[in-house]
Amino acid sequence: MNNKAEQTKLLLTSGVLAGPLYILVGLAQILTREGFDITRHPLSFMSLGDLGWIQIANFIVTGLLVIASAIGLRRLAGAENRLRRGALLIGIYGLGVLGGGIFVTDPALGFPPGTPNTYPETMSWHGLLHFIFGQLGFLALIIASFVYARYFAAKGLRGWAMFSALTGAIFLFAMIAGVVTSVGDSAALGLLTLYAAVTLAWIWLSALSYYMRSRLDSQ
């Protein structure tokens, strides 16, 4: 294996690690941060308070890992347009995660403890940028999953095609459900659905990086 292939393999390994890192660091905080309620607070709220640096670092590190993986995926794309588009979209998702760490959301809904139990009347500039980066990143990942689903279907890899399509469909449904149920008695269900979708998306992304990395091992 030549140096370029080794570098590409290392870049894709970054994507393999990104999902487990994001999920495990997030889960550890959910289980230990005082006042955090998974049925009321998005994980972005972990960036607030004295221990907010942990989630900020989680966003920044995993965002950079995803961007590195996207570079590796682009190297493997060759003349395959779907793979090129997919790599670009995953790179945009990585930028979205990175931006979510650089620009912190606003305190709300009683978190951190002592914050009023409501949403703020106005959004700060960094809260707005956090929201924009997050939504663009989510949208890019959803489209990427459908792009890869079509690629795998064309290659006859039905399992991967279904896994990719379901990831995108579930994530899209969760985003819509989150908007529809943002207020009222169903808000908790909508947020939990989004947590599940984000977790699935990170698993898919790491699995995709691993699969593409394995193609280099077989060459």
N, C-alpha and C. Protein backbone atom coordinates (compact mmCIF):
# COMPACT_ATOMS: atom_id res chain seq x y z
N MET A 1 0.85 -1.19 0.00
CA MET A 1 0.00 0.00 0.00
C MET A 1 0.89 1.25 0.00
N ASN A 2 0.65 2.18 -0.95
CA ASN A 2 1.49 3.35 -1.08
C ASN A 2 1.13 4.39 -0.01
N ASN A 3 1.94 5.47 0.01
CA ASN A 3 1.75 6.49 1.05
C ASN A 3 0.39 7.17 0.94
N LYS A 4 -0.08 7.44 -0.30
CA LYS A 4 -1.37 8.10 -0.47
C LYS A 4 -2.50 7.22 0.07
N ALA A 5 -2.42 5.92 -0.19
CA ALA A 5 -3.43 5.00 0.31
C ALA A 5 -3.40 4.96 1.84
N GLU A 6 -2.22 4.98 2.42
CA GLU A 6 -2.09 4.98 3.88
C GLU A 6 -2.69 6.25 4.48
N GLN A 7 -2.45 7.38 3.82
CA GLN A 7 -3.02 8.63 4.29
C GLN A 7 -4.54 8.61 4.20
N THR A 8 -5.05 8.07 3.10
CA THR A 8 -6.51 7.98 2.93
C THR A 8 -7.11 7.07 3.99
N LYS A 9 -6.43 5.99 4.28
CA LYS A 9 -6.90 5.06 5.31
C LYS A 9 -6.96 5.75 6.67
N LEU A 10 -5.95 6.56 6.96
CA LEU A 10 -5.92 7.29 8.23
C LEU A 10 -7.05 8.31 8.30
N LEU A 11 -7.31 8.99 7.18
CA LEU A 11 -8.41 9.95 7.14
C LEU A 11 -9.75 9.27 7.40
N LEU A 12 -9.95 8.11 6.80
CA LEU A 12 -11.21 7.39 6.99
C LEU A 12 -11.33 6.83 8.40
N THR A 13 -10.20 6.49 9.00
CA THR A 13 -10.22 6.04 10.39
C THR A 13 -10.76 7.13 11.30
N SER A 14 -10.51 8.39 10.94
CA SER A 14 -11.07 9.52 11.71
C SER A 14 -12.59 9.44 11.74
N GLY A 15 -13.18 9.11 10.60
CA GLY A 15 -14.63 8.97 10.53
C GLY A 15 -15.15 7.80 11.34
N VAL A 16 -14.37 6.72 11.37
CA VAL A 16 -14.77 5.55 12.17
C VAL A 16 -14.84 5.92 13.65
N LEU A 17 -13.89 6.73 14.10
CA LEU A 17 -13.82 7.10 15.51
C LEU A 17 -14.82 8.18 15.91
N ALA A 18 -15.23 9.00 14.94
CA ALA A 18 -16.06 10.16 15.26
C ALA A 18 -17.37 9.78 15.94
N GLY A 19 -18.09 8.81 15.38
CA GLY A 19 -19.38 8.43 15.93
C GLY A 19 -19.32 7.93 17.36
N PRO A 20 -18.50 6.90 17.64
CA PRO A 20 -18.40 6.42 19.03
C PRO A 20 -17.97 7.51 20.00
N LEU A 21 -17.04 8.38 19.58
CA LEU A 21 -16.59 9.45 20.47
C LEU A 21 -17.73 10.39 20.80
N TYR A 22 -18.45 10.84 19.79
CA TYR A 22 -19.55 11.77 20.01
C TYR A 22 -20.61 11.15 20.92
N ILE A 23 -20.99 9.91 20.64
CA ILE A 23 -22.05 9.25 21.39
C ILE A 23 -21.64 9.01 22.84
N LEU A 24 -20.43 8.50 23.06
CA LEU A 24 -19.99 8.15 24.41
C LEU A 24 -19.79 9.40 25.28
N VAL A 25 -19.20 10.44 24.71
CA VAL A 25 -19.01 11.67 25.48
C VAL A 25 -20.36 12.30 25.81
N GLY A 26 -21.26 12.29 24.83
CA GLY A 26 -22.60 12.81 25.07
C GLY A 26 -23.34 12.03 26.14
N LEU A 27 -23.28 10.70 26.05
CA LEU A 27 -23.97 9.85 27.03
C LEU A 27 -23.41 10.05 28.43
N ALA A 28 -22.10 10.15 28.55
CA ALA A 28 -21.49 10.36 29.87
C ALA A 28 -22.00 11.65 30.50
N GLN A 29 -22.17 12.69 29.69
CA GLN A 29 -22.67 13.95 30.22
C GLN A 29 -24.14 13.87 30.59
N ILE A 30 -24.93 13.19 29.76
CA ILE A 30 -26.35 13.03 30.05
C ILE A 30 -26.54 12.36 31.41
N LEU A 31 -25.68 11.41 31.72
CA LEU A 31 -25.81 10.65 32.96
C LEU A 31 -25.26 11.38 34.18
N THR A 32 -24.46 12.42 33.96
CA THR A 32 -23.77 13.03 35.10
C THR A 32 -24.03 14.52 35.30
N ARG A 33 -24.44 15.25 34.26
CA ARG A 33 -24.60 16.70 34.42
C ARG A 33 -25.85 17.04 35.22
N GLU A 34 -25.67 17.81 36.27
CA GLU A 34 -26.77 18.22 37.14
C GLU A 34 -27.75 19.11 36.39
N GLY A 35 -29.04 18.79 36.50
CA GLY A 35 -30.09 19.62 35.93
C GLY A 35 -30.41 19.33 34.48
N PHE A 36 -29.64 18.45 33.84
CA PHE A 36 -29.90 18.17 32.42
C PHE A 36 -30.99 17.11 32.31
N ASP A 37 -31.97 17.37 31.44
CA ASP A 37 -33.12 16.48 31.25
C ASP A 37 -33.23 16.16 29.75
N ILE A 38 -33.00 14.91 29.40
CA ILE A 38 -32.98 14.49 28.00
C ILE A 38 -34.34 14.70 27.33
N THR A 39 -35.40 14.77 28.11
CA THR A 39 -36.73 14.98 27.53
C THR A 39 -37.04 16.46 27.30
N ARG A 40 -36.15 17.35 27.74
CA ARG A 40 -36.39 18.78 27.58
C ARG A 40 -35.24 19.51 26.91
N HIS A 41 -34.01 19.01 27.07
CA HIS A 41 -32.84 19.76 26.64
C HIS A 41 -32.10 19.05 25.50
N PRO A 42 -31.86 19.75 24.40
CA PRO A 42 -30.99 19.20 23.35
C PRO A 42 -29.57 19.05 23.88
N LEU A 43 -28.80 18.18 23.27
CA LEU A 43 -27.43 17.95 23.73
C LEU A 43 -26.58 19.21 23.63
N SER A 44 -26.94 20.12 22.73
CA SER A 44 -26.21 21.38 22.59
C SER A 44 -26.16 22.16 23.89
N PHE A 45 -27.15 21.97 24.76
CA PHE A 45 -27.18 22.68 26.03
C PHE A 45 -26.00 22.29 26.91
N MET A 46 -25.39 21.14 26.64
CA MET A 46 -24.23 20.71 27.41
C MET A 46 -23.05 21.66 27.24
N SER A 47 -23.08 22.49 26.19
CA SER A 47 -22.00 23.46 25.97
C SER A 47 -22.05 24.61 26.96
N LEU A 48 -23.11 24.68 27.77
CA LEU A 48 -23.31 25.77 28.72
C LEU A 48 -22.82 25.38 30.12
N GLY A 49 -22.54 26.37 30.92
CA GLY A 49 -22.15 26.11 32.31
C GLY A 49 -20.66 25.86 32.47
N ASP A 50 -20.27 25.58 33.71
CA ASP A 50 -18.85 25.41 34.04
C ASP A 50 -18.21 24.24 33.30
N LEU A 51 -18.99 23.20 33.02
CA LEU A 51 -18.45 22.03 32.32
C LEU A 51 -18.77 22.06 30.84
N GLY A 52 -19.22 23.21 30.36
CA GLY A 52 -19.59 23.31 28.95
C GLY A 52 -18.44 23.04 28.00
N TRP A 53 -17.20 23.23 28.46
CA TRP A 53 -16.04 23.00 27.61
C TRP A 53 -15.97 21.56 27.11
N ILE A 54 -16.57 20.63 27.86
CA ILE A 54 -16.51 19.22 27.45
C ILE A 54 -17.28 19.00 26.15
N GLN A 55 -18.51 19.51 26.10
CA GLN A 55 -19.29 19.35 24.88
C GLN A 55 -18.76 20.22 23.74
N ILE A 56 -18.25 21.39 24.08
CA ILE A 56 -17.63 22.23 23.04
C ILE A 56 -16.48 21.46 22.39
N ALA A 57 -15.65 20.85 23.22
CA ALA A 57 -14.54 20.05 22.69
C ALA A 57 -15.07 18.86 21.90
N ASN A 58 -16.15 18.26 22.37
CA ASN A 58 -16.75 17.13 21.66
C ASN A 58 -17.20 17.54 20.27
N PHE A 59 -17.87 18.67 20.17
CA PHE A 59 -18.29 19.19 18.87
C PHE A 59 -17.09 19.45 17.96
N ILE A 60 -16.10 20.15 18.48
CA ILE A 60 -14.97 20.56 17.65
C ILE A 60 -14.15 19.36 17.19
N VAL A 61 -13.84 18.45 18.12
CA VAL A 61 -13.02 17.29 17.76
C VAL A 61 -13.75 16.38 16.77
N THR A 62 -15.02 16.06 17.06
CA THR A 62 -15.73 15.17 16.15
C THR A 62 -16.01 15.85 14.81
N GLY A 63 -16.23 17.17 14.82
CA GLY A 63 -16.40 17.89 13.57
C GLY A 63 -15.16 17.79 12.70
N LEU A 64 -14.00 17.97 13.31
CA LEU A 64 -12.74 17.85 12.56
C LEU A 64 -12.52 16.43 12.07
N LEU A 65 -12.89 15.45 12.87
CA LEU A 65 -12.75 14.05 12.44
C LEU A 65 -13.63 13.75 11.24
N VAL A 66 -14.85 14.30 11.24
CA VAL A 66 -15.76 14.09 10.11
C VAL A 66 -15.21 14.76 8.85
N ILE A 67 -14.67 15.97 8.99
CA ILE A 67 -14.09 16.66 7.85
C ILE A 67 -12.92 15.85 7.28
N ALA A 68 -12.10 15.30 8.17
CA ALA A 68 -10.99 14.46 7.71
C ALA A 68 -11.50 13.24 6.95
N SER A 69 -12.55 12.62 7.48
CA SER A 69 -13.13 11.47 6.79
C SER A 69 -13.69 11.86 5.44
N ALA A 70 -14.31 13.04 5.35
CA ALA A 70 -14.86 13.51 4.08
C ALA A 70 -13.75 13.67 3.04
N ILE A 71 -12.58 14.13 3.48
CA ILE A 71 -11.44 14.24 2.57
C ILE A 71 -11.04 12.86 2.07
N GLY A 72 -11.02 11.88 3.00
CA GLY A 72 -10.71 10.51 2.60
C GLY A 72 -11.73 9.95 1.62
N LEU A 73 -13.00 10.22 1.88
CA LEU A 73 -14.06 9.75 0.98
C LEU A 73 -13.93 10.39 -0.40
N ARG A 74 -13.55 11.66 -0.43
CA ARG A 74 -13.35 12.33 -1.72
C ARG A 74 -12.20 11.70 -2.48
N ARG A 75 -11.15 11.31 -1.77
CA ARG A 75 -10.02 10.68 -2.44
C ARG A 75 -10.41 9.36 -3.10
N LEU A 76 -11.35 8.66 -2.49
CA LEU A 76 -11.80 7.38 -3.04
C LEU A 76 -12.82 7.55 -4.16
N ALA A 77 -13.37 8.74 -4.31
CA ALA A 77 -14.48 8.94 -5.24
C ALA A 77 -14.08 8.76 -6.69
N GLY A 78 -12.88 9.19 -7.04
CA GLY A 78 -12.46 9.10 -8.42
C GLY A 78 -13.39 9.90 -9.32
N ALA A 79 -13.87 9.24 -10.38
CA ALA A 79 -14.78 9.90 -11.32
C ALA A 79 -16.25 9.65 -10.98
N GLU A 80 -16.51 8.98 -9.85
CA GLU A 80 -17.89 8.65 -9.47
C GLU A 80 -18.56 9.87 -8.86
N ASN A 81 -19.49 10.46 -9.61
CA ASN A 81 -20.11 11.72 -9.19
C ASN A 81 -20.88 11.58 -7.89
N ARG A 82 -21.57 10.47 -7.69
CA ARG A 82 -22.34 10.31 -6.45
C ARG A 82 -21.41 10.30 -5.24
N LEU A 83 -20.26 9.64 -5.36
CA LEU A 83 -19.32 9.61 -4.24
C LEU A 83 -18.72 10.99 -4.00
N ARG A 84 -18.50 11.74 -5.06
CA ARG A 84 -18.00 13.11 -4.88
C ARG A 84 -19.01 13.96 -4.13
N ARG A 85 -20.28 13.89 -4.55
CA ARG A 85 -21.32 14.67 -3.88
C ARG A 85 -21.48 14.21 -2.43
N GLY A 86 -21.46 12.91 -2.23
CA GLY A 86 -21.60 12.39 -0.87
C GLY A 86 -20.50 12.87 0.04
N ALA A 87 -19.25 12.86 -0.45
CA ALA A 87 -18.12 13.33 0.35
C ALA A 87 -18.26 14.81 0.68
N LEU A 88 -18.68 15.60 -0.30
CA LEU A 88 -18.87 17.03 -0.07
C LEU A 88 -19.92 17.28 1.00
N LEU A 89 -21.03 16.57 0.91
CA LEU A 89 -22.11 16.75 1.88
C LEU A 89 -21.69 16.33 3.28
N ILE A 90 -20.91 15.27 3.39
CA ILE A 90 -20.43 14.86 4.70
C ILE A 90 -19.43 15.88 5.24
N GLY A 91 -18.65 16.47 4.35
CA GLY A 91 -17.77 17.54 4.79
C GLY A 91 -18.55 18.73 5.33
N ILE A 92 -19.67 19.06 4.68
CA ILE A 92 -20.53 20.15 5.17
C ILE A 92 -21.10 19.79 6.54
N TYR A 93 -21.47 18.52 6.72
CA TYR A 93 -21.96 18.10 8.04
C TYR A 93 -20.87 18.30 9.09
N GLY A 94 -19.63 17.93 8.74
CA GLY A 94 -18.53 18.12 9.68
C GLY A 94 -18.36 19.59 10.05
N LEU A 95 -18.51 20.47 9.05
CA LEU A 95 -18.43 21.91 9.33
C LEU A 95 -19.58 22.34 10.24
N GLY A 96 -20.76 21.74 10.05
CA GLY A 96 -21.90 22.05 10.91
C GLY A 96 -21.63 21.68 12.35
N VAL A 97 -21.04 20.51 12.55
CA VAL A 97 -20.71 20.07 13.92
C VAL A 97 -19.65 20.98 14.51
N LEU A 98 -18.63 21.29 13.71
CA LEU A 98 -17.56 22.19 14.16
C LEU A 98 -18.12 23.55 14.55
N GLY A 99 -19.00 24.10 13.70
CA GLY A 99 -19.61 25.39 14.00
C GLY A 99 -20.47 25.34 15.25
N GLY A 100 -21.10 24.18 15.50
CA GLY A 100 -21.90 24.03 16.70
C GLY A 100 -21.07 24.11 17.97
N GLY A 101 -19.78 23.80 17.85
CA GLY A 101 -18.89 23.91 19.00
C GLY A 101 -18.33 25.31 19.17
N ILE A 102 -18.05 25.96 18.04
CA ILE A 102 -17.47 27.30 18.09
C ILE A 102 -18.51 28.32 18.57
N PHE A 103 -19.74 28.17 18.08
CA PHE A 103 -20.81 29.10 18.43
C PHE A 103 -21.79 28.40 19.38
N VAL A 104 -21.86 28.89 20.60
CA VAL A 104 -22.60 28.21 21.67
C VAL A 104 -24.06 28.67 21.67
N THR A 105 -24.95 27.72 21.94
CA THR A 105 -26.38 28.02 22.03
C THR A 105 -26.69 28.87 23.26
N ASP A 106 -27.90 29.38 23.33
CA ASP A 106 -28.30 30.23 24.46
C ASP A 106 -28.88 29.40 25.61
N PRO A 107 -28.65 29.81 26.85
CA PRO A 107 -29.28 29.14 27.99
C PRO A 107 -30.80 29.24 27.90
N ALA A 108 -31.49 28.17 28.31
CA ALA A 108 -32.96 28.17 28.27
C ALA A 108 -33.49 26.98 29.05
N LEU A 109 -34.77 27.00 29.30
CA LEU A 109 -35.49 25.86 29.88
C LEU A 109 -34.84 25.34 31.17
N GLY A 110 -34.33 26.27 31.97
CA GLY A 110 -33.78 25.87 33.26
C GLY A 110 -32.40 25.26 33.21
N PHE A 111 -31.71 25.37 32.08
CA PHE A 111 -30.35 24.84 32.01
C PHE A 111 -29.43 25.89 31.40
N PRO A 112 -28.26 26.10 32.05
CA PRO A 112 -27.79 25.49 33.30
C PRO A 112 -28.70 25.85 34.48
N PRO A 113 -28.60 25.11 35.58
CA PRO A 113 -29.44 25.39 36.74
C PRO A 113 -29.38 26.86 37.13
N GLY A 114 -30.55 27.43 37.37
CA GLY A 114 -30.65 28.85 37.68
C GLY A 114 -31.14 29.68 36.52
N THR A 115 -31.12 29.08 35.30
CA THR A 115 -31.64 29.76 34.12
C THR A 115 -33.17 29.75 34.17
N PRO A 116 -33.84 30.82 33.75
CA PRO A 116 -35.31 30.82 33.70
C PRO A 116 -35.84 29.64 32.91
N ASN A 117 -36.96 29.11 33.35
CA ASN A 117 -37.52 27.89 32.77
C ASN A 117 -38.33 28.19 31.49
N THR A 118 -37.79 29.05 30.65
CA THR A 118 -38.42 29.43 29.38
C THR A 118 -37.34 29.61 28.33
N TYR A 119 -37.77 29.81 27.08
CA TYR A 119 -36.84 30.20 26.03
C TYR A 119 -36.58 31.70 26.13
N PRO A 120 -35.37 32.18 25.79
CA PRO A 120 -35.11 33.62 25.83
C PRO A 120 -35.96 34.35 24.79
N GLU A 121 -36.32 35.59 25.08
CA GLU A 121 -37.15 36.37 24.17
C GLU A 121 -36.42 36.70 22.87
N THR A 122 -35.12 36.88 22.96
CA THR A 122 -34.32 37.15 21.77
C THR A 122 -33.15 36.17 21.71
N MET A 123 -32.68 35.89 20.50
CA MET A 123 -31.57 34.96 20.31
C MET A 123 -30.28 35.75 20.10
N SER A 124 -29.24 35.34 20.78
CA SER A 124 -27.94 36.01 20.62
C SER A 124 -27.36 35.68 19.24
N TRP A 125 -26.36 36.44 18.83
CA TRP A 125 -25.74 36.18 17.52
C TRP A 125 -25.08 34.81 17.48
N HIS A 126 -24.45 34.40 18.59
CA HIS A 126 -23.80 33.09 18.60
C HIS A 126 -24.84 31.97 18.69
N GLY A 127 -25.96 32.23 19.37
CA GLY A 127 -27.03 31.25 19.39
C GLY A 127 -27.63 31.05 18.01
N LEU A 128 -27.77 32.15 17.26
CA LEU A 128 -28.31 32.07 15.90
C LEU A 128 -27.36 31.30 15.00
N LEU A 129 -26.06 31.59 15.09
CA LEU A 129 -25.09 30.88 14.26
C LEU A 129 -25.05 29.39 14.63
N HIS A 130 -25.17 29.10 15.92
CA HIS A 130 -25.23 27.69 16.34
C HIS A 130 -26.40 26.99 15.66
N PHE A 131 -27.55 27.63 15.66
CA PHE A 131 -28.74 27.06 15.04
C PHE A 131 -28.54 26.87 13.53
N ILE A 132 -27.98 27.87 12.87
CA ILE A 132 -27.79 27.79 11.41
C ILE A 132 -26.81 26.68 11.05
N PHE A 133 -25.68 26.63 11.75
CA PHE A 133 -24.70 25.57 11.47
C PHE A 133 -25.32 24.20 11.71
N GLY A 134 -26.08 24.08 12.79
CA GLY A 134 -26.70 22.79 13.10
C GLY A 134 -27.68 22.33 12.05
N GLN A 135 -28.56 23.24 11.62
CA GLN A 135 -29.58 22.87 10.64
C GLN A 135 -28.97 22.56 9.28
N LEU A 136 -27.98 23.35 8.86
CA LEU A 136 -27.31 23.08 7.59
C LEU A 136 -26.58 21.74 7.64
N GLY A 137 -25.95 21.47 8.78
CA GLY A 137 -25.25 20.20 8.93
C GLY A 137 -26.21 19.01 8.89
N PHE A 138 -27.32 19.12 9.60
CA PHE A 138 -28.31 18.05 9.60
C PHE A 138 -28.85 17.81 8.18
N LEU A 139 -29.17 18.90 7.49
CA LEU A 139 -29.71 18.77 6.14
C LEU A 139 -28.69 18.12 5.20
N ALA A 140 -27.43 18.52 5.32
CA ALA A 140 -26.39 17.94 4.48
C ALA A 140 -26.24 16.44 4.73
N LEU A 141 -26.32 16.03 5.99
CA LEU A 141 -26.16 14.61 6.30
C LEU A 141 -27.34 13.80 5.77
N ILE A 142 -28.54 14.37 5.87
CA ILE A 142 -29.72 13.68 5.34
C ILE A 142 -29.58 13.46 3.84
N ILE A 143 -29.20 14.52 3.12
CA ILE A 143 -29.04 14.39 1.67
C ILE A 143 -27.92 13.41 1.35
N ALA A 144 -26.83 13.46 2.11
CA ALA A 144 -25.71 12.53 1.88
C ALA A 144 -26.15 11.08 2.02
N SER A 145 -26.97 10.81 3.01
CA SER A 145 -27.41 9.42 3.20
C SER A 145 -28.22 8.92 2.01
N PHE A 146 -29.02 9.79 1.40
CA PHE A 146 -29.78 9.40 0.22
C PHE A 146 -28.88 9.26 -1.01
N VAL A 147 -27.85 10.11 -1.09
CA VAL A 147 -26.89 10.00 -2.20
C VAL A 147 -26.17 8.66 -2.13
N TYR A 148 -25.72 8.29 -0.94
CA TYR A 148 -25.03 7.01 -0.79
C TYR A 148 -25.99 5.84 -0.97
N ALA A 149 -27.25 6.03 -0.60
CA ALA A 149 -28.24 4.96 -0.81
C ALA A 149 -28.36 4.66 -2.30
N ARG A 150 -28.41 5.69 -3.12
CA ARG A 150 -28.50 5.50 -4.57
C ARG A 150 -27.23 4.87 -5.12
N TYR A 151 -26.09 5.28 -4.58
CA TYR A 151 -24.82 4.69 -5.02
C TYR A 151 -24.78 3.20 -4.71
N PHE A 152 -25.12 2.84 -3.48
CA PHE A 152 -25.08 1.43 -3.09
C PHE A 152 -26.12 0.60 -3.86
N ALA A 153 -27.28 1.19 -4.12
CA ALA A 153 -28.30 0.49 -4.89
C ALA A 153 -27.80 0.20 -6.30
N ALA A 154 -27.11 1.17 -6.89
CA ALA A 154 -26.58 0.98 -8.24
C ALA A 154 -25.50 -0.09 -8.28
N LYS A 155 -24.82 -0.28 -7.15
CA LYS A 155 -23.77 -1.30 -7.07
C LYS A 155 -24.33 -2.66 -6.64
N GLY A 156 -25.64 -2.73 -6.39
CA GLY A 156 -26.24 -3.99 -5.98
C GLY A 156 -26.04 -4.33 -4.52
N LEU A 157 -25.63 -3.34 -3.72
CA LEU A 157 -25.42 -3.56 -2.28
C LEU A 157 -26.69 -3.16 -1.54
N ARG A 158 -27.65 -4.06 -1.52
CA ARG A 158 -28.99 -3.73 -1.02
C ARG A 158 -28.99 -3.41 0.46
N GLY A 159 -28.20 -4.13 1.23
CA GLY A 159 -28.16 -3.88 2.67
C GLY A 159 -27.66 -2.47 2.98
N TRP A 160 -26.58 -2.08 2.34
CA TRP A 160 -26.05 -0.73 2.55
C TRP A 160 -26.99 0.32 2.01
N ALA A 161 -27.63 0.03 0.88
CA ALA A 161 -28.59 0.98 0.32
C ALA A 161 -29.75 1.21 1.28
N MET A 162 -30.26 0.13 1.87
CA MET A 162 -31.38 0.25 2.81
C MET A 162 -30.95 0.96 4.09
N PHE A 163 -29.78 0.62 4.61
CA PHE A 163 -29.26 1.25 5.81
C PHE A 163 -29.12 2.76 5.60
N SER A 164 -28.58 3.16 4.46
CA SER A 164 -28.38 4.57 4.17
C SER A 164 -29.71 5.29 4.01
N ALA A 165 -30.63 4.69 3.25
CA ALA A 165 -31.93 5.33 3.01
C ALA A 165 -32.73 5.46 4.29
N LEU A 166 -32.72 4.42 5.12
CA LEU A 166 -33.45 4.47 6.38
C LEU A 166 -32.87 5.52 7.32
N THR A 167 -31.55 5.64 7.33
CA THR A 167 -30.92 6.67 8.17
C THR A 167 -31.40 8.05 7.77
N GLY A 168 -31.40 8.33 6.47
CA GLY A 168 -31.86 9.63 6.01
C GLY A 168 -33.34 9.86 6.28
N ALA A 169 -34.15 8.83 6.04
CA ALA A 169 -35.60 8.96 6.23
C ALA A 169 -35.95 9.18 7.70
N ILE A 170 -35.30 8.43 8.58
CA ILE A 170 -35.58 8.57 10.01
C ILE A 170 -35.12 9.93 10.52
N PHE A 171 -33.97 10.38 10.05
CA PHE A 171 -33.46 11.68 10.47
C PHE A 171 -34.40 12.79 9.98
N LEU A 172 -34.85 12.70 8.73
CA LEU A 172 -35.76 13.70 8.20
C LEU A 172 -37.07 13.71 8.98
N PHE A 173 -37.58 12.53 9.27
CA PHE A 173 -38.82 12.42 10.06
C PHE A 173 -38.62 13.04 11.44
N ALA A 174 -37.47 12.78 12.06
CA ALA A 174 -37.21 13.31 13.40
C ALA A 174 -37.14 14.83 13.40
N MET A 175 -36.55 15.41 12.36
CA MET A 175 -36.48 16.87 12.28
C MET A 175 -37.87 17.47 12.12
N ILE A 176 -38.69 16.87 11.27
CA ILE A 176 -40.05 17.36 11.08
C ILE A 176 -40.86 17.19 12.36
N ALA A 177 -40.71 16.03 12.99
CA ALA A 177 -41.43 15.77 14.24
C ALA A 177 -41.01 16.75 15.33
N GLY A 178 -39.72 17.11 15.34
CA GLY A 178 -39.24 18.05 16.34
C GLY A 178 -39.88 19.42 16.20
N VAL A 179 -40.11 19.84 14.95
CA VAL A 179 -40.76 21.13 14.71
C VAL A 179 -42.23 21.06 15.08
N VAL A 180 -42.89 19.99 14.66
CA VAL A 180 -44.33 19.84 14.90
C VAL A 180 -44.64 19.74 16.39
N THR A 181 -43.75 19.06 17.14
CA THR A 181 -44.01 18.82 18.56
C THR A 181 -43.19 19.73 19.46
N SER A 182 -42.69 20.84 18.92
CA SER A 182 -41.80 21.71 19.70
C SER A 182 -42.48 22.32 20.92
N VAL A 183 -43.80 22.42 20.88
CA VAL A 183 -44.55 22.91 22.04
C VAL A 183 -45.66 21.92 22.34
N GLY A 184 -46.06 21.87 23.62
CA GLY A 184 -47.15 20.99 23.99
C GLY A 184 -46.67 19.72 24.65
N ASP A 185 -47.61 18.81 24.85
CA ASP A 185 -47.33 17.59 25.60
C ASP A 185 -46.43 16.62 24.83
N SER A 186 -46.32 16.78 23.51
CA SER A 186 -45.53 15.85 22.70
C SER A 186 -44.09 16.30 22.50
N ALA A 187 -43.70 17.41 23.12
CA ALA A 187 -42.36 17.96 22.92
C ALA A 187 -41.28 16.96 23.33
N ALA A 188 -41.49 16.26 24.44
CA ALA A 188 -40.51 15.30 24.91
C ALA A 188 -40.32 14.17 23.91
N LEU A 189 -41.43 13.68 23.35
CA LEU A 189 -41.35 12.60 22.37
C LEU A 189 -40.59 13.05 21.13
N GLY A 190 -40.85 14.27 20.69
CA GLY A 190 -40.15 14.80 19.53
C GLY A 190 -38.66 14.91 19.76
N LEU A 191 -38.27 15.37 20.94
CA LEU A 191 -36.85 15.52 21.25
C LEU A 191 -36.17 14.16 21.37
N LEU A 192 -36.83 13.20 22.00
CA LEU A 192 -36.26 11.86 22.11
C LEU A 192 -36.09 11.20 20.75
N THR A 193 -37.05 11.47 19.85
CA THR A 193 -36.94 10.95 18.48
C THR A 193 -35.72 11.54 17.79
N LEU A 194 -35.47 12.81 18.01
CA LEU A 194 -34.30 13.45 17.40
C LEU A 194 -33.01 12.88 17.99
N TYR A 195 -32.98 12.64 19.29
CA TYR A 195 -31.81 12.01 19.90
C TYR A 195 -31.53 10.66 19.24
N ALA A 196 -32.57 9.87 19.04
CA ALA A 196 -32.40 8.55 18.42
C ALA A 196 -31.89 8.67 16.99
N ALA A 197 -32.43 9.63 16.25
CA ALA A 197 -32.04 9.83 14.86
C ALA A 197 -30.58 10.28 14.75
N VAL A 198 -30.18 11.18 15.61
CA VAL A 198 -28.80 11.67 15.59
C VAL A 198 -27.84 10.52 15.92
N THR A 199 -28.21 9.70 16.90
CA THR A 199 -27.39 8.54 17.25
C THR A 199 -27.25 7.60 16.06
N LEU A 200 -28.37 7.30 15.40
CA LEU A 200 -28.33 6.44 14.21
C LEU A 200 -27.45 7.04 13.13
N ALA A 201 -27.55 8.35 12.92
CA ALA A 201 -26.75 9.01 11.89
C ALA A 201 -25.26 8.88 12.17
N TRP A 202 -24.87 9.04 13.44
CA TRP A 202 -23.46 8.89 13.78
C TRP A 202 -23.00 7.45 13.58
N ILE A 203 -23.85 6.48 13.90
CA ILE A 203 -23.50 5.08 13.67
C ILE A 203 -23.32 4.82 12.18
N TRP A 204 -24.25 5.35 11.37
CA TRP A 204 -24.15 5.18 9.92
C TRP A 204 -22.88 5.81 9.37
N LEU A 205 -22.56 7.00 9.82
CA LEU A 205 -21.38 7.69 9.33
C LEU A 205 -20.10 6.93 9.66
N SER A 206 -20.01 6.42 10.88
CA SER A 206 -18.83 5.64 11.25
C SER A 206 -18.77 4.33 10.48
N ALA A 207 -19.92 3.69 10.30
CA ALA A 207 -19.96 2.44 9.54
C ALA A 207 -19.57 2.68 8.08
N LEU A 208 -20.04 3.78 7.50
CA LEU A 208 -19.69 4.12 6.13
C LEU A 208 -18.19 4.32 6.00
N SER A 209 -17.59 5.06 6.92
CA SER A 209 -16.15 5.29 6.89
C SER A 209 -15.40 3.97 7.00
N TYR A 210 -15.89 3.08 7.86
CA TYR A 210 -15.24 1.77 8.03
C TYR A 210 -15.34 0.95 6.74
N TYR A 211 -16.52 0.96 6.13
CA TYR A 211 -16.71 0.19 4.90
C TYR A 211 -15.79 0.71 3.79
N MET A 212 -15.75 2.02 3.62
CA MET A 212 -14.90 2.59 2.58
C MET A 212 -13.42 2.34 2.88
N ARG A 213 -13.08 2.37 4.15
CA ARG A 213 -11.69 2.06 4.56
C ARG A 213 -11.34 0.62 4.21
N SER A 214 -12.30 -0.29 4.39
CA SER A 214 -12.04 -1.70 4.10
C SER A 214 -11.78 -1.94 2.62
N ARG A 215 -12.29 -1.06 1.76
CA ARG A 215 -12.02 -1.18 0.33
C ARG A 215 -10.54 -0.99 0.03
N LEU A 216 -9.89 -0.13 0.82
CA LEU A 216 -8.45 0.06 0.64
C LEU A 216 -7.68 -1.18 1.08
N ASP A 217 -8.14 -1.83 2.15
CA ASP A 217 -7.47 -3.03 2.63
C ASP A 217 -7.55 -4.17 1.62
N SER A 218 -8.61 -4.18 0.81
CA SER A 218 -8.81 -5.27 -0.14
C SER A 218 -8.09 -5.02 -1.46
N GLN A 219 -7.53 -3.81 -1.61
CA GLN A 219 -6.83 -3.50 -2.86
C GLN A 219 -5.41 -4.02 -2.85
